[in-house]
Amino acid sequence: MDFLEPNYYELKEQKKAASGKTIAQGGILPDDNVRIYVLMDLNADKIMWRLYRIYMALDDPDYHNETEFSTAVGIIVAQLEIYDQVWVARDAA
């Protein structure tokens, strides 16, 4: 059950990587590292609309469309996690 425990080493590495410094600059990121920021407009209505569109395009999930359905819903879940984190940060302030 080690996979259920948090990996504290990974958290420290993530903090070091957050600086954006490459190895040549004294950081830990590879020298050819590229950081990309993606603009995304997220709100509850758009998230639900995307989920509705998946159901309209793929119908109910079954073994024929399981991969496509899982991939599309996974993207929405990732966006929902970002949306939730923003609201938690807003409420904390």
Protein backbone atom coordinates (compact mmCIF):
# COMPACT_ATOMS: atom_id res chain seq x y z
CA MET A 1 0.00 0.00 0.00
CA ASP A 2 2.97 2.33 -0.41
CA PHE A 3 1.29 3.95 -3.39
CA LEU A 4 -1.34 5.45 -1.07
CA GLU A 5 1.23 7.32 1.02
CA PRO A 6 2.29 10.79 -0.19
CA ASN A 7 5.68 10.95 -1.84
CA TYR A 8 7.42 13.73 0.10
CA TYR A 9 10.48 13.57 -2.13
CA GLU A 10 8.30 14.36 -5.12
CA LEU A 11 6.79 17.37 -3.33
CA LYS A 12 10.26 18.80 -2.63
CA GLU A 13 11.23 18.29 -6.26
CA GLN A 14 8.04 20.00 -7.41
CA LYS A 15 8.88 23.03 -5.28
CA LYS A 16 12.36 23.18 -6.81
CA ALA A 17 10.89 22.85 -10.30
CA ALA A 18 8.41 25.65 -9.60
CA SER A 19 11.29 28.14 -9.69
CA GLY A 20 11.58 27.50 -13.42
CA LYS A 21 15.38 27.43 -13.24
CA THR A 22 17.28 25.04 -15.49
CA ILE A 23 20.38 23.10 -14.44
CA ALA A 24 22.58 25.75 -16.07
CA GLN A 25 20.85 28.39 -13.90
CA GLY A 26 21.28 26.36 -10.71
CA GLY A 27 17.86 24.70 -10.76
CA ILE A 28 16.76 21.11 -11.39
CA LEU A 29 14.95 21.37 -14.72
CA PRO A 30 16.67 20.07 -17.86
CA ASP A 31 18.39 22.77 -19.92
CA ASP A 32 15.99 22.19 -22.83
CA ASN A 33 12.93 22.55 -20.59
CA VAL A 34 9.99 24.53 -22.01
CA ARG A 35 7.25 25.85 -19.73
CA ILE A 36 3.87 26.47 -21.37
CA TYR A 37 0.93 28.32 -19.87
CA VAL A 38 -2.48 27.63 -21.36
CA LEU A 39 -5.32 30.12 -21.03
CA MET A 40 -8.56 28.41 -20.11
CA ASP A 41 -11.95 29.88 -19.32
CA LEU A 42 -13.60 27.61 -16.78
CA ASN A 43 -16.98 27.98 -15.17
CA ALA A 44 -19.61 25.55 -13.98
CA ASP A 45 -21.79 25.98 -17.07
CA LYS A 46 -18.94 25.32 -19.52
CA ILE A 47 -17.80 22.24 -17.62
CA MET A 48 -21.33 20.81 -17.63
CA TRP A 49 -21.76 21.74 -21.30
CA ARG A 50 -18.59 19.79 -22.20
CA LEU A 51 -19.87 16.76 -20.31
CA TYR A 52 -23.24 17.04 -22.04
CA ARG A 53 -21.49 17.18 -25.44
CA ILE A 54 -19.61 13.96 -24.66
CA TYR A 55 -22.90 12.21 -23.92
CA MET A 56 -24.42 13.62 -27.11
CA ALA A 57 -21.45 12.47 -29.22
CA LEU A 58 -20.78 9.08 -27.61
CA ASP A 59 -24.15 8.19 -26.04
CA ASP A 60 -24.09 6.12 -22.87
CA PRO A 61 -20.72 4.57 -22.00
CA ASP A 62 -20.33 0.91 -22.90
CA TYR A 63 -17.54 -1.41 -23.96
CA HIS A 64 -17.63 -0.04 -27.55
CA ASN A 65 -16.80 3.53 -26.58
CA GLU A 66 -15.10 3.00 -23.23
CA THR A 67 -11.70 4.37 -24.28
CA GLU A 68 -13.03 7.50 -25.96
CA PHE A 69 -15.46 8.15 -23.12
CA SER A 70 -12.81 7.66 -20.44
CA THR A 71 -10.34 9.95 -22.20
CA ALA A 72 -12.87 12.73 -22.73
CA VAL A 73 -14.22 12.56 -19.18
CA GLY A 74 -10.65 12.46 -17.82
CA ILE A 75 -9.95 15.80 -19.47
CA ILE A 76 -13.07 17.28 -17.91
CA VAL A 77 -12.11 15.91 -14.49
CA ALA A 78 -8.68 17.55 -14.79
CA GLN A 79 -10.34 20.87 -15.64
CA LEU A 80 -12.78 20.42 -12.76
CA GLU A 81 -9.87 19.88 -10.36
CA ILE A 82 -8.29 23.15 -11.53
CA TYR A 83 -11.63 24.93 -11.18
CA ASP A 84 -12.05 23.53 -7.65
CA GLN A 85 -8.52 24.54 -6.60
CA VAL A 86 -9.15 28.11 -7.74
CA TRP A 87 -12.34 28.32 -5.69
CA VAL A 88 -10.62 26.88 -2.63
CA ALA A 89 -7.90 29.53 -2.97
CA ARG A 90 -10.53 32.26 -3.41
CA ASP A 91 -12.47 31.11 -0.36
CA ALA A 92 -9.28 30.95 1.72
CA ALA A 93 -8.61 34.61 0.98
